């Protein structure tokens, strides 16, 4: 009896892995609409997508529009950045293009300033966070504290958990 249960358990585990492997196809790859063209990420090579202000990222049933970026200066003296740092943000809009609920949050984003991880900033504005029903949308900002002298600031959003594909929002 134990042998039969062990065999059934092993088959269940293998079937689960097979379902996830088949479910991750190139049709699910993320795309970025850039003015006149569309760029598609290649999940097989883990290539990342570059997203600039004005671009639209389509990933995981979310259409994320990169509206703008900048430096946030509206903080109080109690929530000021550390000496030598500044607060940057990206302003985005998100629409659920799928048939079921989709979730987006500032926790989905990571920031790198000159390739070093930067801390998220949770100030007076809570930033974007919503569970969206099919066809619904939201907008908001994502904030990070970075060195004032940072030359390259990129904010990552993971578009495909299984393939580790990311979209890189370039902060100008």
C-alpha atoms as a PDB file:
ATOM      1  CA  UNK A   1       0.000   0.000   0.000  1.00  0.00           C
ATOM      2  CA  UNK A   2       2.821   2.407   0.879  1.00  0.00           C
ATOM      3  CA  UNK A   3       4.507   1.632  -2.427  1.00  0.00           C
ATOM      4  CA  UNK A   4       1.345   2.470  -4.391  1.00  0.00           C
ATOM      5  CA  UNK A   5       0.907   5.742  -2.477  1.00  0.00           C
ATOM      6  CA  UNK A   6       4.547   6.652  -3.140  1.00  0.00           C
ATOM      7  CA  UNK A   7       4.134   5.985  -6.862  1.00  0.00           C
ATOM      8  CA  UNK A   8       0.909   8.033  -6.993  1.00  0.00           C
ATOM      9  CA  UNK A   9       2.567  10.909  -5.125  1.00  0.00           C
ATOM     10  CA  UNK A  10       5.531  10.886  -7.520  1.00  0.00           C
ATOM     11  CA  UNK A  11       3.180  10.917 -10.510  1.00  0.00           C
ATOM     12  CA  UNK A  12       1.238  13.838  -9.020  1.00  0.00           C
ATOM     13  CA  UNK A  13       4.420  15.838  -8.514  1.00  0.00           C
ATOM     14  CA  UNK A  14       5.602  15.137 -12.072  1.00  0.00           C
ATOM     15  CA  UNK A  15       2.182  16.060 -13.488  1.00  0.00           C
ATOM     16  CA  UNK A  16       2.251  19.354 -11.591  1.00  0.00           C
ATOM     17  CA  UNK A  17       5.676  20.222 -13.002  1.00  0.00           C
ATOM     18  CA  UNK A  18       4.513  19.290 -16.499  1.00  0.00           C
ATOM     19  CA  UNK A  19       1.473  21.555 -16.245  1.00  0.00           C
ATOM     20  CA  UNK A  20       3.607  24.534 -15.234  1.00  0.00           C
ATOM     21  CA  UNK A  21       6.186  23.817 -17.938  1.00  0.00           C
ATOM     22  CA  UNK A  22       3.530  23.650 -20.664  1.00  0.00           C
ATOM     23  CA  UNK A  23       1.738  26.730 -19.287  1.00  0.00           C
ATOM     24  CA  UNK A  24       4.857  28.844 -19.739  1.00  0.00           C
ATOM     25  CA  UNK A  25       4.958  29.431 -23.488  1.00  0.00           C
ATOM     26  CA  UNK A  26       6.305  32.141 -25.764  1.00  0.00           C
ATOM     27  CA  UNK A  27       2.730  33.419 -26.170  1.00  0.00           C
ATOM     28  CA  UNK A  28       2.970  34.600 -22.561  1.00  0.00           C
ATOM     29  CA  UNK A  29       6.126  36.640 -23.164  1.00  0.00           C
ATOM     30  CA  UNK A  30       6.029  40.262 -22.171  1.00  0.00           C
ATOM     31  CA  UNK A  31       6.084  43.078 -24.721  1.00  0.00           C
ATOM     32  CA  UNK A  32       6.802  46.787 -24.661  1.00  0.00           C
ATOM     33  CA  UNK A  33       5.095  49.158 -27.083  1.00  0.00           C
ATOM     34  CA  UNK A  34       7.555  51.905 -27.948  1.00  0.00           C
ATOM     35  CA  UNK A  35       6.079  54.586 -30.153  1.00  0.00           C
ATOM     36  CA  UNK A  36       5.965  52.910 -33.555  1.00  0.00           C
ATOM     37  CA  UNK A  37       7.194  49.435 -32.659  1.00  0.00           C
ATOM     38  CA  UNK A  38       6.886  46.589 -30.191  1.00  0.00           C
ATOM     39  CA  UNK A  39       9.732  44.796 -28.471  1.00  0.00           C
ATOM     40  CA  UNK A  40       9.236  41.256 -27.192  1.00  0.00           C
ATOM     41  CA  UNK A  41      11.242  39.749 -24.367  1.00  0.00           C
ATOM     42  CA  UNK A  42      12.845  36.392 -25.018  1.00  0.00           C
ATOM     43  CA  UNK A  43      12.074  34.151 -22.058  1.00  0.00           C
ATOM     44  CA  UNK A  44      14.421  31.448 -23.391  1.00  0.00           C
ATOM     45  CA  UNK A  45      17.444  33.741 -23.033  1.00  0.00           C
ATOM     46  CA  UNK A  46      16.093  35.668 -20.024  1.00  0.00           C
ATOM     47  CA  UNK A  47      16.476  38.919 -21.946  1.00  0.00           C
ATOM     48  CA  UNK A  48      15.079  41.916 -20.152  1.00  0.00           C
ATOM     49  CA  UNK A  49      12.813  44.543 -21.640  1.00  0.00           C
ATOM     50  CA  UNK A  50      13.669  48.232 -21.445  1.00  0.00           C
ATOM     51  CA  UNK A  51      10.762  50.528 -20.596  1.00  0.00           C
ATOM     52  CA  UNK A  52      11.098  54.300 -21.019  1.00  0.00           C
ATOM     53  CA  UNK A  53       8.620  57.062 -20.127  1.00  0.00           C
ATOM     54  CA  UNK A  54       5.714  56.886 -22.565  1.00  0.00           C
ATOM     55  CA  UNK A  55       6.107  53.128 -23.187  1.00  0.00           C
ATOM     56  CA  UNK A  56       3.478  50.491 -22.409  1.00  0.00           C
ATOM     57  CA  UNK A  57       4.491  47.146 -20.888  1.00  0.00           C
ATOM     58  CA  UNK A  58       2.153  44.175 -21.440  1.00  0.00           C
ATOM     59  CA  UNK A  59       2.897  41.361 -18.998  1.00  0.00           C
ATOM     60  CA  UNK A  60       0.891  38.803 -17.039  1.00  0.00           C
ATOM     61  CA  UNK A  61      -2.511  40.233 -18.015  1.00  0.00           C
ATOM     62  CA  UNK A  62      -1.436  43.737 -16.939  1.00  0.00           C
ATOM     63  CA  UNK A  63      -0.969  46.673 -19.284  1.00  0.00           C
ATOM     64  CA  UNK A  64       1.420  48.999 -17.421  1.00  0.00           C
ATOM     65  CA  UNK A  65       1.904  52.488 -18.843  1.00  0.00           C
ATOM     66  CA  UNK A  66       5.062  54.324 -17.753  1.00  0.00           C
ATOM     67  CA  UNK A  67       3.739  57.880 -17.444  1.00  0.00           C
ATOM     68  CA  UNK A  68       6.722  59.750 -16.002  1.00  0.00           C
ATOM     69  CA  UNK A  69       9.574  59.762 -13.520  1.00  0.00           C
ATOM     70  CA  UNK A  70      11.241  62.356 -11.351  1.00  0.00           C
ATOM     71  CA  UNK A  71      12.513  63.423  -7.980  1.00  0.00           C
ATOM     72  CA  UNK A  72      10.036  63.549  -5.091  1.00  0.00           C
ATOM     73  CA  UNK A  73      10.526  66.547  -2.801  1.00  0.00           C
ATOM     74  CA  UNK A  74       7.153  66.700  -1.024  1.00  0.00           C
ATOM     75  CA  UNK A  75       8.284  64.782   2.066  1.00  0.00           C
ATOM     76  CA  UNK A  76       8.133  66.133   5.619  1.00  0.00           C
ATOM     77  CA  UNK A  77      11.205  66.732   7.743  1.00  0.00           C
ATOM     78  CA  UNK A  78      10.448  63.475   9.567  1.00  0.00           C
ATOM     79  CA  UNK A  79      10.476  61.419   6.373  1.00  0.00           C
ATOM     80  CA  UNK A  80      13.433  63.092   4.643  1.00  0.00           C
ATOM     81  CA  UNK A  81      16.021  60.925   2.860  1.00  0.00           C
ATOM     82  CA  UNK A  82      19.407  60.302   4.466  1.00  0.00           C
ATOM     83  CA  UNK A  83      22.159  62.849   3.844  1.00  0.00           C
ATOM     84  CA  UNK A  84      23.525  62.438   0.326  1.00  0.00           C
ATOM     85  CA  UNK A  85      20.352  60.726  -0.909  1.00  0.00           C
ATOM     86  CA  UNK A  86      17.218  61.754  -2.794  1.00  0.00           C
ATOM     87  CA  UNK A  87      13.801  60.213  -3.399  1.00  0.00           C
ATOM     88  CA  UNK A  88      12.926  59.237  -6.983  1.00  0.00           C
ATOM     89  CA  UNK A  89       9.661  57.902  -8.377  1.00  0.00           C
ATOM     90  CA  UNK A  90       8.053  56.407 -11.423  1.00  0.00           C
ATOM     91  CA  UNK A  91       4.417  57.208 -12.150  1.00  0.00           C
ATOM     92  CA  UNK A  92       2.536  54.318 -13.740  1.00  0.00           C
ATOM     93  CA  UNK A  93      -0.978  53.298 -14.740  1.00  0.00           C
ATOM     94  CA  UNK A  94      -2.069  49.668 -14.795  1.00  0.00           C
ATOM     95  CA  UNK A  95      -5.025  47.963 -16.459  1.00  0.00           C
ATOM     96  CA  UNK A  96      -6.087  44.341 -16.034  1.00  0.00           C
ATOM     97  CA  UNK A  97      -6.438  42.913 -19.546  1.00  0.00           C
ATOM     98  CA  UNK A  98      -7.156  39.360 -18.336  1.00  0.00           C
ATOM     99  CA  UNK A  99     -10.285  37.504 -17.311  1.00  0.00           C
ATOM    100  CA  UNK A 100      -9.486  37.152 -13.605  1.00  0.00           C
ATOM    101  CA  UNK A 101      -8.206  39.427 -10.847  1.00  0.00           C
ATOM    102  CA  UNK A 102      -4.696  40.830 -11.181  1.00  0.00           C
ATOM    103  CA  UNK A 103      -2.558  42.374  -8.448  1.00  0.00           C
ATOM    104  CA  UNK A 104       0.014  45.154  -8.701  1.00  0.00           C
ATOM    105  CA  UNK A 105       1.944  46.720  -5.860  1.00  0.00           C
ATOM    106  CA  UNK A 106       5.020  48.804  -5.196  1.00  0.00           C
ATOM    107  CA  UNK A 107       6.370  45.615  -3.577  1.00  0.00           C
ATOM    108  CA  UNK A 108       6.628  44.139  -7.111  1.00  0.00           C
ATOM    109  CA  UNK A 109       9.423  46.589  -8.004  1.00  0.00           C
ATOM    110  CA  UNK A 110      13.147  46.704  -7.126  1.00  0.00           C
ATOM    111  CA  UNK A 111      15.516  49.599  -7.734  1.00  0.00           C
ATOM    112  CA  UNK A 112      19.209  49.719  -8.568  1.00  0.00           C
ATOM    113  CA  UNK A 113      21.299  52.904  -8.527  1.00  0.00           C
ATOM    114  CA  UNK A 114      24.597  52.372 -10.350  1.00  0.00           C
ATOM    115  CA  UNK A 115      23.897  48.605 -10.084  1.00  0.00           C
ATOM    116  CA  UNK A 116      23.598  48.691  -6.268  1.00  0.00           C
ATOM    117  CA  UNK A 117      20.268  47.814  -4.633  1.00  0.00           C
ATOM    118  CA  UNK A 118      18.341  50.832  -3.380  1.00  0.00           C
ATOM    119  CA  UNK A 119      15.821  50.954  -0.559  1.00  0.00           C
ATOM    120  CA  UNK A 120      12.122  51.473  -1.176  1.00  0.00           C
ATOM    121  CA  UNK A 121      10.722  54.719   0.217  1.00  0.00           C
ATOM    122  CA  UNK A 122       7.418  54.592   2.054  1.00  0.00           C
ATOM    123  CA  UNK A 123       6.487  58.166   2.717  1.00  0.00           C
ATOM    124  CA  UNK A 124       3.344  60.189   2.905  1.00  0.00           C
ATOM    125  CA  UNK A 125       2.006  58.782  -0.377  1.00  0.00           C
ATOM    126  CA  UNK A 126       1.469  55.017  -0.119  1.00  0.00           C
ATOM    127  CA  UNK A 127       2.227  54.355  -3.783  1.00  0.00           C
ATOM    128  CA  UNK A 128       0.465  51.990  -6.147  1.00  0.00           C
ATOM    129  CA  UNK A 129      -1.237  48.935  -4.697  1.00  0.00           C
ATOM    130  CA  UNK A 130      -4.425  47.328  -5.997  1.00  0.00           C
ATOM    131  CA  UNK A 131      -6.211  44.129  -6.837  1.00  0.00           C
ATOM    132  CA  UNK A 132      -7.889  44.786 -10.169  1.00  0.00           C
ATOM    133  CA  UNK A 133     -10.934  42.975 -11.479  1.00  0.00           C
ATOM    134  CA  UNK A 134     -10.981  42.166 -15.203  1.00  0.00           C
ATOM    135  CA  UNK A 135     -10.999  45.391 -17.239  1.00  0.00           C
ATOM    136  CA  UNK A 136     -10.329  47.652 -14.226  1.00  0.00           C
ATOM    137  CA  UNK A 137      -7.422  50.061 -13.856  1.00  0.00           C
ATOM    138  CA  UNK A 138      -5.463  52.085 -11.323  1.00  0.00           C
ATOM    139  CA  UNK A 139      -2.549  54.492 -11.229  1.00  0.00           C
ATOM    140  CA  UNK A 140       0.078  55.528  -8.733  1.00  0.00           C
ATOM    141  CA  UNK A 141       3.751  55.902  -7.998  1.00  0.00           C
ATOM    142  CA  UNK A 142       6.646  53.741  -6.867  1.00  0.00           C
ATOM    143  CA  UNK A 143       9.328  55.443  -4.744  1.00  0.00           C
ATOM    144  CA  UNK A 144      12.959  54.655  -3.923  1.00  0.00           C
ATOM    145  CA  UNK A 145      15.751  56.365  -2.008  1.00  0.00           C
ATOM    146  CA  UNK A 146      18.940  56.609  -4.085  1.00  0.00           C
ATOM    147  CA  UNK A 147      22.260  58.471  -3.854  1.00  0.00           C
ATOM    148  CA  UNK A 148      22.079  62.025  -5.230  1.00  0.00           C
ATOM    149  CA  UNK A 149      25.079  61.373  -7.463  1.00  0.00           C
ATOM    150  CA  UNK A 150      23.738  58.122  -9.008  1.00  0.00           C
ATOM    151  CA  UNK A 151      24.360  58.092 -12.760  1.00  0.00           C
ATOM    152  CA  UNK A 152      22.193  55.104 -13.731  1.00  0.00           C
ATOM    153  CA  UNK A 153      18.891  54.367 -11.982  1.00  0.00           C
ATOM    154  CA  UNK A 154      16.805  51.371 -13.057  1.00  0.00           C
ATOM    155  CA  UNK A 155      13.640  49.956 -11.546  1.00  0.00           C
ATOM    156  CA  UNK A 156      12.937  46.273 -12.186  1.00  0.00           C
ATOM    157  CA  UNK A 157       9.549  44.586 -12.503  1.00  0.00           C
ATOM    158  CA  UNK A 158       9.463  40.804 -12.852  1.00  0.00           C
ATOM    159  CA  UNK A 159       7.257  39.964 -15.840  1.00  0.00           C
ATOM    160  CA  UNK A 160       7.569  36.191 -15.616  1.00  0.00           C
ATOM    161  CA  UNK A 161       8.311  34.461 -12.338  1.00  0.00           C
ATOM    162  CA  UNK A 162       9.111  31.087 -13.932  1.00  0.00           C
ATOM    163  CA  UNK A 163      11.491  32.425 -16.588  1.00  0.00           C
ATOM    164  CA  UNK A 164      12.951  35.217 -14.417  1.00  0.00           C
ATOM    165  CA  UNK A 165      12.266  37.772 -17.157  1.00  0.00           C
ATOM    166  CA  UNK A 166      12.259  41.412 -16.042  1.00  0.00           C
ATOM    167  CA  UNK A 167      11.229  44.764 -17.399  1.00  0.00           C
ATOM    168  CA  UNK A 168      13.661  47.575 -16.626  1.00  0.00           C
ATOM    169  CA  UNK A 169      12.064  51.002 -16.128  1.00  0.00           C
ATOM    170  CA  UNK A 170      14.780  53.552 -16.901  1.00  0.00           C
ATOM    171  CA  UNK A 171      14.717  56.615 -14.630  1.00  0.00           C
ATOM    172  CA  UNK A 172      15.980  59.697 -16.447  1.00  0.00           C
END
